[in-house]
Amino acid sequence: VVLADPRQAGIDALLRKIYEIYSDYALKNPFYSLEMPIRCELFDQNLKLALEAAEKAGPFGPGS
């Protein structure tokens, strides 16, 4: 679940990045089953980096 202000810029890009990370580290893992918790350090690290980058962009993106 991602909670954001509807006016926040870049939410679509953030959601695409989160899905990319999910598919790379969960769905491509042969030991992962749907509905299981994701227990992968690389997933956690990359998700944290993506969220930090989104926070640095600011709540309404550049030029707002």
PDB file of N, CA and C in Angstrom:
ATOM      1  N   VAL A   1       0.849  -1.164   0.000  1.00  0.00           N
ATOM      2  CA  VAL A   1       0.000   0.000   0.000  1.00  0.00           C
ATOM      3  C   VAL A   1       0.898   1.232   0.000  1.00  0.00           C
ATOM      4  N   VAL A   2       0.610   2.141  -0.899  1.00  0.00           N
ATOM      5  CA  VAL A   2       1.336   3.406  -0.948  1.00  0.00           C
ATOM      6  C   VAL A   2       0.329   4.524  -0.718  1.00  0.00           C
ATOM      7  N   LEU A   3       0.550   5.315   0.312  1.00  0.00           N
ATOM      8  CA  LEU A   3      -0.305   6.458   0.592  1.00  0.00           C
ATOM      9  C   LEU A   3       0.407   7.713   0.129  1.00  0.00           C
ATOM     10  N   ALA A   4      -0.279   8.535  -0.661  1.00  0.00           N
ATOM     11  CA  ALA A   4       0.340   9.751  -1.179  1.00  0.00           C
ATOM     12  C   ALA A   4      -0.734  10.789  -1.453  1.00  0.00           C
ATOM     13  N   ASP A   5      -0.311  12.038  -1.455  1.00  0.00           N
ATOM     14  CA  ASP A   5      -1.192  13.133  -1.837  1.00  0.00           C
ATOM     15  C   ASP A   5      -1.483  13.000  -3.328  1.00  0.00           C
ATOM     16  N   PRO A   6      -2.744  13.156  -3.750  1.00  0.00           N
ATOM     17  CA  PRO A   6      -3.062  13.027  -5.178  1.00  0.00           C
ATOM     18  C   PRO A   6      -2.317  14.028  -6.064  1.00  0.00           C
ATOM     19  N   ARG A   7      -1.864  15.134  -5.474  1.00  0.00           N
ATOM     20  CA  ARG A   7      -1.136  16.144  -6.237  1.00  0.00           C
ATOM     21  C   ARG A   7       0.354  15.845  -6.330  1.00  0.00           C
ATOM     22  N   GLN A   8       0.815  14.827  -5.614  1.00  0.00           N
ATOM     23  CA  GLN A   8       2.242  14.514  -5.599  1.00  0.00           C
ATOM     24  C   GLN A   8       2.696  14.036  -6.972  1.00  0.00           C
ATOM     25  N   ALA A   9       3.769  14.625  -7.442  1.00  0.00           N
ATOM     26  CA  ALA A   9       4.321  14.261  -8.750  1.00  0.00           C
ATOM     27  C   ALA A   9       5.126  12.976  -8.631  1.00  0.00           C
ATOM     28  N   GLY A  10       5.130  12.186  -9.687  1.00  0.00           N
ATOM     29  CA  GLY A  10       5.994  11.021  -9.770  1.00  0.00           C
ATOM     30  C   GLY A  10       5.489   9.755  -9.120  1.00  0.00           C
ATOM     31  N   ILE A  11       4.244   9.725  -8.689  1.00  0.00           N
ATOM     32  CA  ILE A  11       3.728   8.515  -8.045  1.00  0.00           C
ATOM     33  C   ILE A  11       3.707   7.340  -9.022  1.00  0.00           C
ATOM     34  N   ASP A  12       3.322   7.581 -10.272  1.00  0.00           N
ATOM     35  CA  ASP A  12       3.304   6.500 -11.263  1.00  0.00           C
ATOM     36  C   ASP A  12       4.692   5.886 -11.425  1.00  0.00           C
ATOM     37  N   ALA A  13       5.717   6.737 -11.492  1.00  0.00           N
ATOM     38  CA  ALA A  13       7.082   6.245 -11.639  1.00  0.00           C
ATOM     39  C   ALA A  13       7.507   5.453 -10.407  1.00  0.00           C
ATOM     40  N   LEU A  14       7.116   5.931  -9.219  1.00  0.00           N
ATOM     41  CA  LEU A  14       7.455   5.223  -7.985  1.00  0.00           C
ATOM     42  C   LEU A  14       6.787   3.849  -7.958  1.00  0.00           C
ATOM     43  N   LEU A  15       5.520   3.785  -8.325  1.00  0.00           N
ATOM     44  CA  LEU A  15       4.822   2.493  -8.330  1.00  0.00           C
ATOM     45  C   LEU A  15       5.438   1.529  -9.344  1.00  0.00           C
ATOM     46  N   ARG A  16       5.842   2.048 -10.507  1.00  0.00           N
ATOM     47  CA  ARG A  16       6.512   1.190 -11.490  1.00  0.00           C
ATOM     48  C   ARG A  16       7.836   0.667 -10.938  1.00  0.00           C
ATOM     49  N   LYS A  17       8.586   1.528 -10.234  1.00  0.00           N
ATOM     50  CA  LYS A  17       9.857   1.112  -9.650  1.00  0.00           C
ATOM     51  C   LYS A  17       9.645   0.054  -8.572  1.00  0.00           C
ATOM     52  N   ILE A  18       8.632   0.235  -7.741  1.00  0.00           N
ATOM     53  CA  ILE A  18       8.334  -0.751  -6.691  1.00  0.00           C
ATOM     54  C   ILE A  18       7.966  -2.087  -7.328  1.00  0.00           C
ATOM     55  N   TYR A  19       7.169  -2.068  -8.389  1.00  0.00           N
ATOM     56  CA  TYR A  19       6.810  -3.320  -9.060  1.00  0.00           C
ATOM     57  C   TYR A  19       8.045  -3.964  -9.694  1.00  0.00           C
ATOM     58  N   GLU A  20       8.931  -3.159 -10.262  1.00  0.00           N
ATOM     59  CA  GLU A  20      10.165  -3.687 -10.847  1.00  0.00           C
ATOM     60  C   GLU A  20      11.006  -4.394  -9.778  1.00  0.00           C
ATOM     61  N   ILE A  21      11.137  -3.772  -8.625  1.00  0.00           N
ATOM     62  CA  ILE A  21      11.887  -4.377  -7.524  1.00  0.00           C
ATOM     63  C   ILE A  21      11.207  -5.666  -7.072  1.00  0.00           C
ATOM     64  N   TYR A  22       9.888  -5.640  -6.946  1.00  0.00           N
ATOM     65  CA  TYR A  22       9.127  -6.831  -6.548  1.00  0.00           C
ATOM     66  C   TYR A  22       9.331  -7.970  -7.542  1.00  0.00           C
ATOM     67  N   SER A  23       9.241  -7.659  -8.830  1.00  0.00           N
ATOM     68  CA  SER A  23       9.388  -8.719  -9.822  1.00  0.00           C
ATOM     69  C   SER A  23      10.816  -9.254  -9.863  1.00  0.00           C
ATOM     70  N   ASP A  24      11.809  -8.369  -9.673  1.00  0.00           N
ATOM     71  CA  ASP A  24      13.200  -8.813  -9.706  1.00  0.00           C
ATOM     72  C   ASP A  24      13.573  -9.684  -8.506  1.00  0.00           C
ATOM     73  N   TYR A  25      13.115  -9.335  -7.320  1.00  0.00           N
ATOM     74  CA  TYR A  25      13.578 -10.018  -6.116  1.00  0.00           C
ATOM     75  C   TYR A  25      12.571 -10.988  -5.510  1.00  0.00           C
ATOM     76  N   ALA A  26      11.326 -10.961  -5.906  1.00  0.00           N
ATOM     77  CA  ALA A  26      10.347 -11.908  -5.374  1.00  0.00           C
ATOM     78  C   ALA A  26       9.869 -12.859  -6.465  1.00  0.00           C
ATOM     79  N   LEU A  27       9.312 -12.326  -7.528  1.00  0.00           N
ATOM     80  CA  LEU A  27       8.722 -13.187  -8.553  1.00  0.00           C
ATOM     81  C   LEU A  27       9.744 -14.034  -9.299  1.00  0.00           C
ATOM     82  N   LYS A  28      10.964 -13.543  -9.438  1.00  0.00           N
ATOM     83  CA  LYS A  28      12.001 -14.317 -10.139  1.00  0.00           C
ATOM     84  C   LYS A  28      12.729 -15.291  -9.216  1.00  0.00           C
ATOM     85  N   ASN A  29      12.397 -15.265  -7.943  1.00  0.00           N
ATOM     86  CA  ASN A  29      12.996 -16.170  -6.971  1.00  0.00           C
ATOM     87  C   ASN A  29      12.252 -17.506  -7.020  1.00  0.00           C
ATOM     88  N   PRO A  30      12.938 -18.593  -7.370  1.00  0.00           N
ATOM     89  CA  PRO A  30      12.244 -19.886  -7.488  1.00  0.00           C
ATOM     90  C   PRO A  30      11.707 -20.420  -6.161  1.00  0.00           C
ATOM     91  N   PHE A  31      12.171 -19.897  -5.044  1.00  0.00           N
ATOM     92  CA  PHE A  31      11.719 -20.364  -3.737  1.00  0.00           C
ATOM     93  C   PHE A  31      10.577 -19.527  -3.170  1.00  0.00           C
ATOM     94  N   TYR A  32      10.204 -18.465  -3.867  1.00  0.00           N
ATOM     95  CA  TYR A  32       9.124 -17.587  -3.396  1.00  0.00           C
ATOM     96  C   TYR A  32       7.793 -18.111  -3.912  1.00  0.00           C
ATOM     97  N   SER A  33       6.789 -18.139  -3.040  1.00  0.00           N
ATOM     98  CA  SER A  33       5.422 -18.494  -3.422  1.00  0.00           C
ATOM     99  C   SER A  33       4.534 -17.290  -3.160  1.00  0.00           C
ATOM    100  N   LEU A  34       3.566 -17.080  -4.049  1.00  0.00           N
ATOM    101  CA  LEU A  34       2.626 -15.977  -3.845  1.00  0.00           C
ATOM    102  C   LEU A  34       1.969 -16.112  -2.488  1.00  0.00           C
ATOM    103  N   GLU A  35       1.643 -15.007  -1.893  1.00  0.00           N
ATOM    104  CA  GLU A  35       1.021 -14.915  -0.571  1.00  0.00           C
ATOM    105  C   GLU A  35       2.015 -15.146   0.562  1.00  0.00           C
ATOM    106  N   MET A  36       3.278 -15.433   0.255  1.00  0.00           N
ATOM    107  CA  MET A  36       4.303 -15.564   1.293  1.00  0.00           C
ATOM    108  C   MET A  36       4.886 -14.189   1.580  1.00  0.00           C
ATOM    109  N   PRO A  37       5.335 -13.925   2.799  1.00  0.00           N
ATOM    110  CA  PRO A  37       6.062 -12.682   3.064  1.00  0.00           C
ATOM    111  C   PRO A  37       7.364 -12.683   2.252  1.00  0.00           C
ATOM    112  N   ILE A  38       7.785 -11.518   1.827  1.00  0.00           N
ATOM    113  CA  ILE A  38       9.025 -11.404   1.063  1.00  0.00           C
ATOM    114  C   ILE A  38      10.161 -11.259   2.061  1.00  0.00           C
ATOM    115  N   ARG A  39      11.031 -12.242   2.092  1.00  0.00           N
ATOM    116  CA  ARG A  39      12.170 -12.226   3.002  1.00  0.00           C
ATOM    117  C   ARG A  39      13.443 -12.240   2.160  1.00  0.00           C
ATOM    118  N   CYS A  40      13.845 -11.041   1.738  1.00  0.00           N
ATOM    119  CA  CYS A  40      15.013 -10.905   0.889  1.00  0.00           C
ATOM    120  C   CYS A  40      15.682  -9.567   1.196  1.00  0.00           C
ATOM    121  N   GLU A  41      16.924  -9.631   1.645  1.00  0.00           N
ATOM    122  CA  GLU A  41      17.648  -8.419   2.025  1.00  0.00           C
ATOM    123  C   GLU A  41      17.802  -7.454   0.851  1.00  0.00           C
ATOM    124  N   LEU A  42      18.078  -7.981  -0.350  1.00  0.00           N
ATOM    125  CA  LEU A  42      18.225  -7.113  -1.524  1.00  0.00           C
ATOM    126  C   LEU A  42      16.916  -6.402  -1.867  1.00  0.00           C
ATOM    127  N   PHE A  43      15.796  -7.091  -1.696  1.00  0.00           N
ATOM    128  CA  PHE A  43      14.493  -6.465  -1.920  1.00  0.00           C
ATOM    129  C   PHE A  43      14.326  -5.293  -0.957  1.00  0.00           C
ATOM    130  N   ASP A  44      14.598  -5.540   0.316  1.00  0.00           N
ATOM    131  CA  ASP A  44      14.443  -4.500   1.333  1.00  0.00           C
ATOM    132  C   ASP A  44      15.348  -3.296   1.046  1.00  0.00           C
ATOM    133  N   GLN A  45      16.600  -3.558   0.692  1.00  0.00           N
ATOM    134  CA  GLN A  45      17.550  -2.480   0.425  1.00  0.00           C
ATOM    135  C   GLN A  45      17.118  -1.641  -0.774  1.00  0.00           C
ATOM    136  N   ASN A  46      16.735  -2.302  -1.861  1.00  0.00           N
ATOM    137  CA  ASN A  46      16.338  -1.575  -3.067  1.00  0.00           C
ATOM    138  C   ASN A  46      15.033  -0.820  -2.873  1.00  0.00           C
ATOM    139  N   LEU A  47      14.107  -1.386  -2.127  1.00  0.00           N
ATOM    140  CA  LEU A  47      12.852  -0.693  -1.832  1.00  0.00           C
ATOM    141  C   LEU A  47      13.121   0.555  -0.999  1.00  0.00           C
ATOM    142  N   LYS A  48      14.000   0.432  -0.011  1.00  0.00           N
ATOM    143  CA  LYS A  48      14.353   1.574   0.828  1.00  0.00           C
ATOM    144  C   LYS A  48      14.985   2.683  -0.015  1.00  0.00           C
ATOM    145  N   LEU A  49      15.891   2.325  -0.924  1.00  0.00           N
ATOM    146  CA  LEU A  49      16.528   3.321  -1.791  1.00  0.00           C
ATOM    147  C   LEU A  49      15.511   4.019  -2.681  1.00  0.00           C
ATOM    148  N   ALA A  50      14.564   3.275  -3.229  1.00  0.00           N
ATOM    149  CA  ALA A  50      13.533   3.863  -4.094  1.00  0.00           C
ATOM    150  C   ALA A  50      12.659   4.833  -3.306  1.00  0.00           C
ATOM    151  N   LEU A  51      12.286   4.466  -2.094  1.00  0.00           N
ATOM    152  CA  LEU A  51      11.447   5.340  -1.275  1.00  0.00           C
ATOM    153  C   LEU A  51      12.205   6.587  -0.826  1.00  0.00           C
ATOM    154  N   GLU A  52      13.488   6.434  -0.512  1.00  0.00           N
ATOM    155  CA  GLU A  52      14.298   7.600  -0.142  1.00  0.00           C
ATOM    156  C   GLU A  52      14.431   8.564  -1.318  1.00  0.00           C
ATOM    157  N   ALA A  53      14.611   8.031  -2.512  1.00  0.00           N
ATOM    158  CA  ALA A  53      14.712   8.880  -3.704  1.00  0.00           C
ATOM    159  C   ALA A  53      13.403   9.628  -3.929  1.00  0.00           C
ATOM    160  N   ALA A  54      12.269   8.969  -3.694  1.00  0.00           N
ATOM    161  CA  ALA A  54      10.967   9.612  -3.857  1.00  0.00           C
ATOM    162  C   ALA A  54      10.777  10.716  -2.813  1.00  0.00           C
ATOM    163  N   GLU A  55      11.244  10.471  -1.598  1.00  0.00           N
ATOM    164  CA  GLU A  55      11.131  11.491  -0.542  1.00  0.00           C
ATOM    165  C   GLU A  55      11.977  12.713  -0.870  1.00  0.00           C
ATOM    166  N   LYS A  56      13.163  12.507  -1.431  1.00  0.00           N
ATOM    167  CA  LYS A  56      14.044  13.616  -1.780  1.00  0.00           C
ATOM    168  C   LYS A  56      13.453  14.484  -2.884  1.00  0.00           C
ATOM    169  N   ALA A  57      12.600  13.896  -3.707  1.00  0.00           N
ATOM    170  CA  ALA A  57      11.964  14.654  -4.786  1.00  0.00           C
ATOM    171  C   ALA A  57      10.982  15.668  -4.211  1.00  0.00           C
ATOM    172  N   GLY A  58      10.572  15.502  -2.970  1.00  0.00           N
ATOM    173  CA  GLY A  58       9.659  16.442  -2.326  1.00  0.00           C
ATOM    174  C   GLY A  58       8.219  16.010  -2.500  1.00  0.00           C
ATOM    175  N   PRO A  59       7.327  16.581  -1.686  1.00  0.00           N
ATOM    176  CA  PRO A  59       5.929  16.149  -1.711  1.00  0.00           C
ATOM    177  C   PRO A  59       5.185  16.509  -3.001  1.00  0.00           C
ATOM    178  N   PHE A  60       5.624  17.533  -3.712  1.00  0.00           N
ATOM    179  CA  PHE A  60       4.902  17.914  -4.930  1.00  0.00           C
ATOM    180  C   PHE A  60       5.819  18.012  -6.116  1.00  0.00           C
ATOM    181  N   GLY A  61       6.988  17.391  -6.034  1.00  0.00           N
ATOM    182  CA  GLY A  61       7.907  17.366  -7.166  1.00  0.00           C
ATOM    183  C   GLY A  61       8.574  18.706  -7.397  1.00  0.00           C
ATOM    184  N   PRO A  62       9.513  18.748  -8.318  1.00  0.00           N
ATOM    185  CA  PRO A  62      10.234  19.979  -8.583  1.00  0.00           C
ATOM    186  C   PRO A  62       9.328  21.033  -9.251  1.00  0.00           C
ATOM    187  N   GLY A  63       9.538  22.269  -8.855  1.00  0.00           N
ATOM    188  CA  GLY A  63       8.806  23.371  -9.463  1.00  0.00           C
ATOM    189  C   GLY A  63       7.403  23.595  -8.955  1.00  0.00           C
ATOM    190  N   SER A  64       7.030  22.943  -7.854  1.00  0.00           N
ATOM    191  CA  SER A  64       5.663  23.126  -7.338  1.00  0.00           C
ATOM    192  C   SER A  64       5.628  24.217  -6.311  1.00  0.00           C
TER     193      SER A  64
END
